[in-house]
PDB file of N, CA and C in Angstrom:
ATOM      1  N   MET A   1      20.744 256.502 218.600  1.00  0.00           N
ATOM      2  CA  MET A   1      21.613 255.946 217.595  1.00  0.00           C
ATOM      3  C   MET A   1      21.052 255.294 216.241  1.00  0.00           C
ATOM      4  N   ILE A   2      19.638 254.882 216.540  1.00  0.00           N
ATOM      5  CA  ILE A   2      18.838 254.503 215.533  1.00  0.00           C
ATOM      6  C   ILE A   2      18.595 255.739 214.563  1.00  0.00           C
ATOM      7  N   SER A   3      18.500 256.737 215.027  1.00  0.00           N
ATOM      8  CA  SER A   3      18.173 257.953 214.051  1.00  0.00           C
ATOM      9  C   SER A   3      19.395 258.299 213.151  1.00  0.00           C
ATOM     10  N   ARG A   4      20.755 258.028 213.807  1.00  0.00           N
ATOM     11  CA  ARG A   4      22.058 258.400 213.050  1.00  0.00           C
ATOM     12  C   ARG A   4      21.897 257.121 211.793  1.00  0.00           C
ATOM     13  N   VAL A   5      21.367 255.793 212.212  1.00  0.00           N
ATOM     14  CA  VAL A   5      21.643 254.753 211.279  1.00  0.00           C
ATOM     15  C   VAL A   5      20.454 255.100 210.136  1.00  0.00           C
ATOM     16  N   ALA A   6      19.529 255.355 210.538  1.00  0.00           N
ATOM     17  CA  ALA A   6      18.305 255.849 209.483  1.00  0.00           C
ATOM     18  C   ALA A   6      18.653 256.991 208.704  1.00  0.00           C
ATOM     19  N   ALA A   7      19.261 258.123 209.266  1.00  0.00           N
ATOM     20  CA  ALA A   7      19.741 259.169 208.497  1.00  0.00           C
ATOM     21  C   ALA A   7      20.900 258.720 207.520  1.00  0.00           C
ATOM     22  N   PHE A   8      21.885 257.910 207.930  1.00  0.00           N
ATOM     23  CA  PHE A   8      22.930 257.531 206.905  1.00  0.00           C
ATOM     24  C   PHE A   8      22.340 256.746 205.722  1.00  0.00           C
ATOM     25  N   ARG A   9      21.276 255.932 206.213  1.00  0.00           N
ATOM     26  CA  ARG A   9      20.752 255.168 204.951  1.00  0.00           C
ATOM     27  C   ARG A   9      20.010 255.846 203.922  1.00  0.00           C
ATOM     28  N   THR A  10      19.498 257.069 204.294  1.00  0.00           N
ATOM     29  CA  THR A  10      18.635 257.845 203.363  1.00  0.00           C
ATOM     30  C   THR A  10      19.377 258.964 202.644  1.00  0.00           C
ATOM     31  N   LEU A  11      20.664 259.265 203.171  1.00  0.00           N
ATOM     32  CA  LEU A  11      21.442 260.103 202.326  1.00  0.00           C
ATOM     33  C   LEU A  11      22.001 259.566 201.103  1.00  0.00           C
ATOM     34  N   PRO A  12      21.883 260.279 199.974  1.00  0.00           N
ATOM     35  CA  PRO A  12      22.468 259.739 198.778  1.00  0.00           C
ATOM     36  C   PRO A  12      24.026 259.803 198.840  1.00  0.00           C
ATOM     37  N   ARG A  13      24.656 258.906 198.312  1.00  0.00           N
ATOM     38  CA  ARG A  13      26.199 258.974 198.362  1.00  0.00           C
ATOM     39  C   ARG A  13      26.758 259.571 196.895  1.00  0.00           C
ATOM     40  N   ALA A  14      26.313 260.748 196.984  1.00  0.00           N
ATOM     41  CA  ALA A  14      26.895 261.704 195.946  1.00  0.00           C
ATOM     42  C   ALA A  14      28.239 262.401 196.196  1.00  0.00           C
ATOM     43  N   PHE A  15      28.553 262.327 197.294  1.00  0.00           N
ATOM     44  CA  PHE A  15      30.016 262.775 197.637  1.00  0.00           C
ATOM     45  C   PHE A  15      31.141 261.672 197.491  1.00  0.00           C
ATOM     46  N   ALA A  16      30.920 260.625 196.921  1.00  0.00           N
ATOM     47  CA  ALA A  16      31.842 259.709 196.713  1.00  0.00           C
ATOM     48  C   ALA A  16      32.649 259.925 195.576  1.00  0.00           C
ATOM     49  N   ALA A  17      33.949 260.134 195.603  1.00  0.00           N
ATOM     50  CA  ALA A  17      34.748 260.509 194.442  1.00  0.00           C
ATOM     51  C   ALA A  17      35.020 259.166 193.609  1.00  0.00           C
ATOM     52  N   PRO A  18      34.884 259.404 192.350  1.00  0.00           N
ATOM     53  CA  PRO A  18      34.952 258.137 191.376  1.00  0.00           C
ATOM     54  C   PRO A  18      36.739 257.948 191.306  1.00  0.00           C
ATOM     55  N   ALA A  19      37.061 256.570 191.335  1.00  0.00           N
ATOM     56  CA  ALA A  19      38.181 256.474 191.278  1.00  0.00           C
ATOM     57  C   ALA A  19      39.001 256.461 189.943  1.00  0.00           C
ATOM     58  N   ARG A  20      40.234 257.015 189.986  1.00  0.00           N
ATOM     59  CA  ARG A  20      40.893 257.311 188.782  1.00  0.00           C
ATOM     60  C   ARG A  20      41.313 256.033 188.194  1.00  0.00           C
ATOM     61  N   LEU A  21      41.110 255.713 187.041  1.00  0.00           N
ATOM     62  CA  LEU A  21      41.596 254.378 186.428  1.00  0.00           C
ATOM     63  C   LEU A  21      42.589 254.626 185.311  1.00  0.00           C
ATOM     64  N   TYR A  22      43.196 255.679 185.309  1.00  0.00           N
ATOM     65  CA  TYR A  22      44.224 255.887 184.298  1.00  0.00           C
ATOM     66  C   TYR A  22      45.446 256.532 185.024  1.00  0.00           C
ATOM     67  N   THR A  23      46.654 256.611 184.360  1.00  0.00           N
ATOM     68  CA  THR A  23      47.717 257.205 184.892  1.00  0.00           C
ATOM     69  C   THR A  23      48.309 258.372 184.083  1.00  0.00           C
ATOM     70  N   ILE A  24      48.930 259.010 184.545  1.00  0.00           N
ATOM     71  CA  ILE A  24      49.315 260.167 183.700  1.00  0.00           C
ATOM     72  C   ILE A  24      50.909 260.117 183.739  1.00  0.00           C
ATOM     73  N   GLY A  25      51.383 260.085 182.634  1.00  0.00           N
ATOM     74  CA  GLY A  25      52.929 260.052 182.604  1.00  0.00           C
ATOM     75  C   GLY A  25      53.440 259.021 181.511  1.00  0.00           C
ATOM     76  N   ARG A  26      54.630 258.462 181.929  1.00  0.00           N
ATOM     77  CA  ARG A  26      55.253 257.507 181.004  1.00  0.00           C
ATOM     78  C   ARG A  26      54.679 256.044 181.355  1.00  0.00           C
ATOM     79  N   THR A  27      54.813 255.242 180.253  1.00  0.00           N
ATOM     80  CA  THR A  27      54.422 253.876 180.475  1.00  0.00           C
ATOM     81  C   THR A  27      55.492 253.039 180.299  1.00  0.00           C
ATOM     82  N   GLU A  28      56.604 253.043 180.956  1.00  0.00           N
ATOM     83  CA  GLU A  28      57.874 252.396 180.664  1.00  0.00           C
ATOM     84  C   GLU A  28      57.675 250.877 181.183  1.00  0.00           C
ATOM     85  N   GLY A  29      56.704 250.717 182.195  1.00  0.00           N
ATOM     86  CA  GLY A  29      56.679 249.257 182.619  1.00  0.00           C
ATOM     87  C   GLY A  29      55.431 248.556 181.936  1.00  0.00           C
ATOM     88  N   SER A  30      54.897 249.161 180.842  1.00  0.00           N
ATOM     89  CA  SER A  30      53.776 248.465 180.174  1.00  0.00           C
ATOM     90  C   SER A  30      54.433 247.258 179.401  1.00  0.00           C
ATOM     91  N   VAL A  31      53.574 246.275 179.344  1.00  0.00           N
ATOM     92  CA  VAL A  31      54.049 244.984 178.786  1.00  0.00           C
ATOM     93  C   VAL A  31      53.813 245.275 177.408  1.00  0.00           C
ATOM     94  N   ALA A  32      52.693 245.856 176.867  1.00  0.00           N
ATOM     95  CA  ALA A  32      52.636 245.963 175.370  1.00  0.00           C
ATOM     96  C   ALA A  32      53.607 246.799 174.825  1.00  0.00           C
ATOM     97  N   GLU A  33      54.286 247.779 175.660  1.00  0.00           N
ATOM     98  CA  GLU A  33      55.238 248.733 175.083  1.00  0.00           C
ATOM     99  C   GLU A  33      56.753 248.165 175.283  1.00  0.00           C
ATOM    100  N   SER A  34      56.770 247.100 175.697  1.00  0.00           N
ATOM    101  CA  SER A  34      58.170 246.680 176.188  1.00  0.00           C
ATOM    102  C   SER A  34      58.783 246.101 174.884  1.00  0.00           C
ATOM    103  N   LYS A  35      60.107 245.970 174.732  1.00  0.00           N
ATOM    104  CA  LYS A  35      60.703 245.547 173.484  1.00  0.00           C
ATOM    105  C   LYS A  35      60.710 244.060 173.409  1.00  0.00           C
ATOM    106  N   GLY A  36      60.756 243.462 174.565  1.00  0.00           N
ATOM    107  CA  GLY A  36      60.851 242.050 174.535  1.00  0.00           C
ATOM    108  C   GLY A  36      59.400 241.302 174.065  1.00  0.00           C
ATOM    109  N   PHE A  37      58.498 241.863 174.461  1.00  0.00           N
ATOM    110  CA  PHE A  37      57.103 241.299 174.312  1.00  0.00           C
ATOM    111  C   PHE A  37      56.852 241.470 172.768  1.00  0.00           C
ATOM    112  N   GLY A  38      57.220 242.621 172.206  1.00  0.00           N
ATOM    113  CA  GLY A  38      56.951 242.902 170.669  1.00  0.00           C
ATOM    114  C   GLY A  38      57.917 241.867 169.858  1.00  0.00           C
ATOM    115  N   LYS A  39      58.963 241.586 170.263  1.00  0.00           N
ATOM    116  CA  LYS A  39      59.937 240.719 169.687  1.00  0.00           C
ATOM    117  C   LYS A  39      59.376 239.156 169.604  1.00  0.00           C
ATOM    118  N   LYS A  40      58.833 238.813 170.961  1.00  0.00           N
ATOM    119  CA  LYS A  40      58.189 237.640 171.044  1.00  0.00           C
ATOM    120  C   LYS A  40      56.918 237.320 170.167  1.00  0.00           C
ATOM    121  N   GLU A  41      56.160 238.342 170.178  1.00  0.00           N
ATOM    122  CA  GLU A  41      54.880 238.342 169.411  1.00  0.00           C
ATOM    123  C   GLU A  41      55.273 238.463 168.042  1.00  0.00           C
ATOM    124  N   LYS A  42      56.305 239.139 167.404  1.00  0.00           N
ATOM    125  CA  LYS A  42      56.675 238.895 166.002  1.00  0.00           C
ATOM    126  C   LYS A  42      57.060 237.673 165.808  1.00  0.00           C
ATOM    127  N   ALA A  43      57.874 237.007 166.641  1.00  0.00           N
ATOM    128  CA  ALA A  43      58.424 235.602 166.371  1.00  0.00           C
ATOM    129  C   ALA A  43      57.284 234.556 166.331  1.00  0.00           C
ATOM    130  N   HIS A  44      56.293 234.776 166.973  1.00  0.00           N
ATOM    131  CA  HIS A  44      55.060 233.878 166.977  1.00  0.00           C
ATOM    132  C   HIS A  44      54.173 234.158 165.762  1.00  0.00           C
ATOM    133  N   GLU A  45      54.107 235.411 165.250  1.00  0.00           N
ATOM    134  CA  GLU A  45      53.372 235.590 163.943  1.00  0.00           C
ATOM    135  C   GLU A  45      54.236 235.228 162.944  1.00  0.00           C
ATOM    136  N   ASP A  46      55.564 235.177 162.867  1.00  0.00           N
ATOM    137  CA  ASP A  46      56.499 234.609 161.871  1.00  0.00           C
ATOM    138  C   ASP A  46      56.146 233.133 161.839  1.00  0.00           C
ATOM    139  N   GLN A  47      56.159 232.539 163.137  1.00  0.00           N
ATOM    140  CA  GLN A  47      56.158 230.865 162.939  1.00  0.00           C
ATOM    141  C   GLN A  47      54.708 230.619 162.534  1.00  0.00           C
ATOM    142  N   TYR A  48      53.710 231.275 162.672  1.00  0.00           N
ATOM    143  CA  TYR A  48      52.332 230.919 162.319  1.00  0.00           C
ATOM    144  C   TYR A  48      52.337 231.099 160.811  1.00  0.00           C
ATOM    145  N   ILE A  49      53.071 232.145 160.178  1.00  0.00           N
ATOM    146  CA  ILE A  49      53.145 232.437 158.689  1.00  0.00           C
ATOM    147  C   ILE A  49      53.705 231.265 158.097  1.00  0.00           C
ATOM    148  N   ARG A  50      54.888 231.031 158.582  1.00  0.00           N
ATOM    149  CA  ARG A  50      55.912 229.857 158.094  1.00  0.00           C
ATOM    150  C   ARG A  50      54.839 228.563 158.091  1.00  0.00           C
ATOM    151  N   LYS A  51      54.333 228.214 159.224  1.00  0.00           N
ATOM    152  CA  LYS A  51      53.463 226.926 159.075  1.00  0.00           C
ATOM    153  C   LYS A  51      52.344 226.990 158.225  1.00  0.00           C
ATOM    154  N   HIS A  52      51.663 228.333 157.999  1.00  0.00           N
ATOM    155  CA  HIS A  52      50.656 228.241 157.172  1.00  0.00           C
ATOM    156  C   HIS A  52      50.996 228.291 155.774  1.00  0.00           C
ATOM    157  N   GLU A  53      52.424 228.652 155.391  1.00  0.00           N
ATOM    158  CA  GLU A  53      52.655 228.584 153.960  1.00  0.00           C
ATOM    159  C   GLU A  53      53.197 227.204 153.578  1.00  0.00           C
ATOM    160  N   ALA A  54      53.543 226.582 154.655  1.00  0.00           N
ATOM    161  CA  ALA A  54      54.122 225.057 154.491  1.00  0.00           C
ATOM    162  C   ALA A  54      52.964 224.415 154.336  1.00  0.00           C
ATOM    163  N   GLU A  55      51.710 224.529 154.920  1.00  0.00           N
ATOM    164  CA  GLU A  55      50.655 223.846 154.906  1.00  0.00           C
ATOM    165  C   GLU A  55      50.064 224.112 153.303  1.00  0.00           C
ATOM    166  N   GLN A  56      49.975 225.306 152.901  1.00  0.00           N
ATOM    167  CA  GLN A  56      49.597 225.703 151.411  1.00  0.00           C
ATOM    168  C   GLN A  56      50.465 224.993 150.458  1.00  0.00           C
ATOM    169  N   LEU A  57      51.706 224.984 150.558  1.00  0.00           N
ATOM    170  CA  LEU A  57      52.737 224.362 149.697  1.00  0.00           C
ATOM    171  C   LEU A  57      52.324 222.758 149.621  1.00  0.00           C
ATOM    172  N   ALA A  58      52.147 222.274 150.873  1.00  0.00           N
ATOM    173  CA  ALA A  58      51.915 220.779 150.745  1.00  0.00           C
ATOM    174  C   ALA A  58      50.675 220.460 150.023  1.00  0.00           C
ATOM    175  N   LYS A  59      49.616 221.369 150.310  1.00  0.00           N
ATOM    176  CA  LYS A  59      48.347 221.020 149.633  1.00  0.00           C
ATOM    177  C   LYS A  59      48.452 221.345 148.097  1.00  0.00           C
ATOM    178  N   LEU A  60      49.178 222.253 147.653  1.00  0.00           N
ATOM    179  CA  LEU A  60      49.519 222.573 146.291  1.00  0.00           C
ATOM    180  C   LEU A  60      50.329 221.350 145.709  1.00  0.00           C
ATOM    181  N   LYS A  61      51.294 220.717 146.411  1.00  0.00           N
ATOM    182  CA  LYS A  61      52.057 219.901 145.689  1.00  0.00           C
ATOM    183  C   LYS A  61      51.204 218.586 145.739  1.00  0.00           C
ATOM    184  N   ALA A  62      50.323 218.209 146.553  1.00  0.00           N
ATOM    185  CA  ALA A  62      49.330 217.167 146.613  1.00  0.00           C
ATOM    186  C   ALA A  62      48.452 217.279 145.424  1.00  0.00           C
ATOM    187  N   THR A  63      47.865 218.682 145.104  1.00  0.00           N
ATOM    188  CA  THR A  63      47.044 218.762 143.877  1.00  0.00           C
ATOM    189  C   THR A  63      47.866 218.496 142.624  1.00  0.00           C
ATOM    190  N   VAL A  64      48.999 218.952 142.638  1.00  0.00           N
ATOM    191  CA  VAL A  64      49.931 218.538 141.340  1.00  0.00           C
ATOM    192  C   VAL A  64      50.128 217.382 141.050  1.00  0.00           C
ATOM    193  N   ARG A  65      50.291 216.498 142.244  1.00  0.00           N
ATOM    194  CA  ARG A  65      50.810 215.152 142.155  1.00  0.00           C
ATOM    195  C   ARG A  65      49.417 214.476 141.684  1.00  0.00           C
ATOM    196  N   THR A  66      48.280 214.683 142.070  1.00  0.00           N
ATOM    197  CA  THR A  66      47.054 214.182 141.747  1.00  0.00           C
ATOM    198  C   THR A  66      46.929 214.467 140.245  1.00  0.00           C
ATOM    199  N   TYR A  67      47.080 215.647 139.776  1.00  0.00           N
ATOM    200  CA  TYR A  67      46.974 216.262 138.524  1.00  0.00           C
ATOM    201  C   TYR A  67      47.842 215.294 137.496  1.00  0.00           C
ATOM    202  N   ARG A  68      49.007 215.401 137.809  1.00  0.00           N
ATOM    203  CA  ARG A  68      50.040 214.402 137.078  1.00  0.00           C
ATOM    204  C   ARG A  68      49.746 213.001 136.889  1.00  0.00           C
ATOM    205  N   ARG A  69      49.113 212.387 138.045  1.00  0.00           N
ATOM    206  CA  ARG A  69      48.705 210.845 137.973  1.00  0.00           C
ATOM    207  C   ARG A  69      47.530 210.850 137.096  1.00  0.00           C
ATOM    208  N   THR A  70      46.618 211.732 137.015  1.00  0.00           N
ATOM    209  CA  THR A  70      45.263 211.582 136.147  1.00  0.00           C
ATOM    210  C   THR A  70      45.700 212.019 134.807  1.00  0.00           C
ATOM    211  N   GLU A  71      46.679 212.726 134.640  1.00  0.00           N
ATOM    212  CA  GLU A  71      47.150 213.082 133.216  1.00  0.00           C
ATOM    213  C   GLU A  71      47.828 211.964 132.680  1.00  0.00           C
ATOM    214  N   LYS A  72      48.780 211.466 133.456  1.00  0.00           N
ATOM    215  CA  LYS A  72      49.462 210.165 133.017  1.00  0.00           C
ATOM    216  C   LYS A  72      48.521 209.066 132.690  1.00  0.00           C
ATOM    217  N   CYS A  73      47.529 208.942 133.584  1.00  0.00           N
ATOM    218  CA  CYS A  73      46.654 207.722 133.247  1.00  0.00           C
ATOM    219  C   CYS A  73      45.751 207.964 132.024  1.00  0.00           C
ATOM    220  N   HIS A  74      45.470 209.219 131.553  1.00  0.00           N
ATOM    221  CA  HIS A  74      44.783 209.562 130.469  1.00  0.00           C
ATOM    222  C   HIS A  74      45.771 209.239 129.208  1.00  0.00           C
ATOM    223  N   MET A  75      46.949 209.733 129.354  1.00  0.00           N
ATOM    224  CA  MET A  75      47.932 209.437 128.334  1.00  0.00           C
ATOM    225  C   MET A  75      48.163 207.966 127.966  1.00  0.00           C
ATOM    226  N   LEU A  76      48.129 207.150 129.066  1.00  0.00           N
ATOM    227  CA  LEU A  76      48.348 205.636 128.989  1.00  0.00           C
ATOM    228  C   LEU A  76      47.156 205.148 128.321  1.00  0.00           C
ATOM    229  N   THR A  77      46.070 205.575 128.898  1.00  0.00           N
ATOM    230  CA  THR A  77      44.686 205.094 128.230  1.00  0.00           C
ATOM    231  C   THR A  77      44.645 205.378 126.851  1.00  0.00           C
ATOM    232  N   ALA A  78      45.057 206.663 126.449  1.00  0.00           N
ATOM    233  CA  ALA A  78      44.932 206.958 124.960  1.00  0.00           C
ATOM    234  C   ALA A  78      45.867 206.258 124.122  1.00  0.00           C
ATOM    235  N   ASP A  79      46.931 205.933 124.895  1.00  0.00           N
ATOM    236  CA  ASP A  79      48.105 205.151 124.037  1.00  0.00           C
ATOM    237  C   ASP A  79      47.650 203.848 123.713  1.00  0.00           C
ATOM    238  N   SER A  80      47.118 203.303 124.884  1.00  0.00           N
ATOM    239  CA  SER A  80      46.438 201.889 124.846  1.00  0.00           C
ATOM    240  C   SER A  80      45.409 201.648 123.854  1.00  0.00           C
ATOM    241  N   ASP A  81      44.501 202.796 123.746  1.00  0.00           N
ATOM    242  CA  ASP A  81      43.287 202.678 122.750  1.00  0.00           C
ATOM    243  C   ASP A  81      43.989 202.932 121.386  1.00  0.00           C
ATOM    244  N   ARG A  82      44.999 203.688 121.143  1.00  0.00           N
ATOM    245  CA  ARG A  82      45.595 203.891 119.891  1.00  0.00           C
ATOM    246  C   ARG A  82      46.264 202.537 119.580  1.00  0.00           C
ATOM    247  N   ARG A  83      46.886 201.944 120.338  1.00  0.00           N
ATOM    248  CA  ARG A  83      47.416 200.610 119.938  1.00  0.00           C
ATOM    249  C   ARG A  83      46.577 199.533 119.729  1.00  0.00           C
ATOM    250  N   LYS A  84      45.537 199.506 120.531  1.00  0.00           N
ATOM    251  CA  LYS A  84      44.510 198.616 120.136  1.00  0.00           C
ATOM    252  C   LYS A  84      43.840 198.834 118.826  1.00  0.00           C
ATOM    253  N   GLY A  85      43.662 200.019 118.514  1.00  0.00           N
ATOM    254  CA  GLY A  85      43.142 200.285 117.205  1.00  0.00           C
ATOM    255  C   GLY A  85      44.080 200.050 116.090  1.00  0.00           C
ATOM    256  N   GLY A  86      45.362 200.107 116.327  1.00  0.00           N
ATOM    257  CA  GLY A  86      46.151 199.942 115.152  1.00  0.00           C
ATOM    258  C   GLY A  86      46.308 198.522 114.808  1.00  0.00           C
ATOM    259  N   ARG A  87      46.038 197.592 115.864  1.00  0.00           N
ATOM    260  CA  ARG A  87      46.284 196.174 115.574  1.00  0.00           C
ATOM    261  C   ARG A  87      44.930 195.541 115.098  1.00  0.00           C
ATOM    262  N   ALA A  88      43.890 196.229 115.406  1.00  0.00           N
ATOM    263  CA  ALA A  88      42.706 195.691 114.861  1.00  0.00           C
ATOM    264  C   ALA A  88      42.473 196.047 113.425  1.00  0.00           C
ATOM    265  N   ARG A  89      43.351 197.005 112.704  1.00  0.00           N
ATOM    266  CA  ARG A  89      43.086 197.379 111.356  1.00  0.00           C
ATOM    267  C   ARG A  89      43.840 196.363 110.396  1.00  0.00           C
TER     268      ARG A  89
END
């Protein structure tokens, strides 16, 4: 019995067949190919795009608001300087 165990351990395992990791045929049950998954994925992408565009729009509005405030401040300062200069003459 010991000789059989020793012989078994020394033989290479060249006769083991590799497992087939792919299928041949249709992929009807595939999750990536199903219509529901595609619709859900598109809905998530659309939601992300809308959120991203809303964030960009909010950032742009804040930039415009800041610009208008500084522009108004410059106009008021210039008007004030002009009035001060007019009174001093």
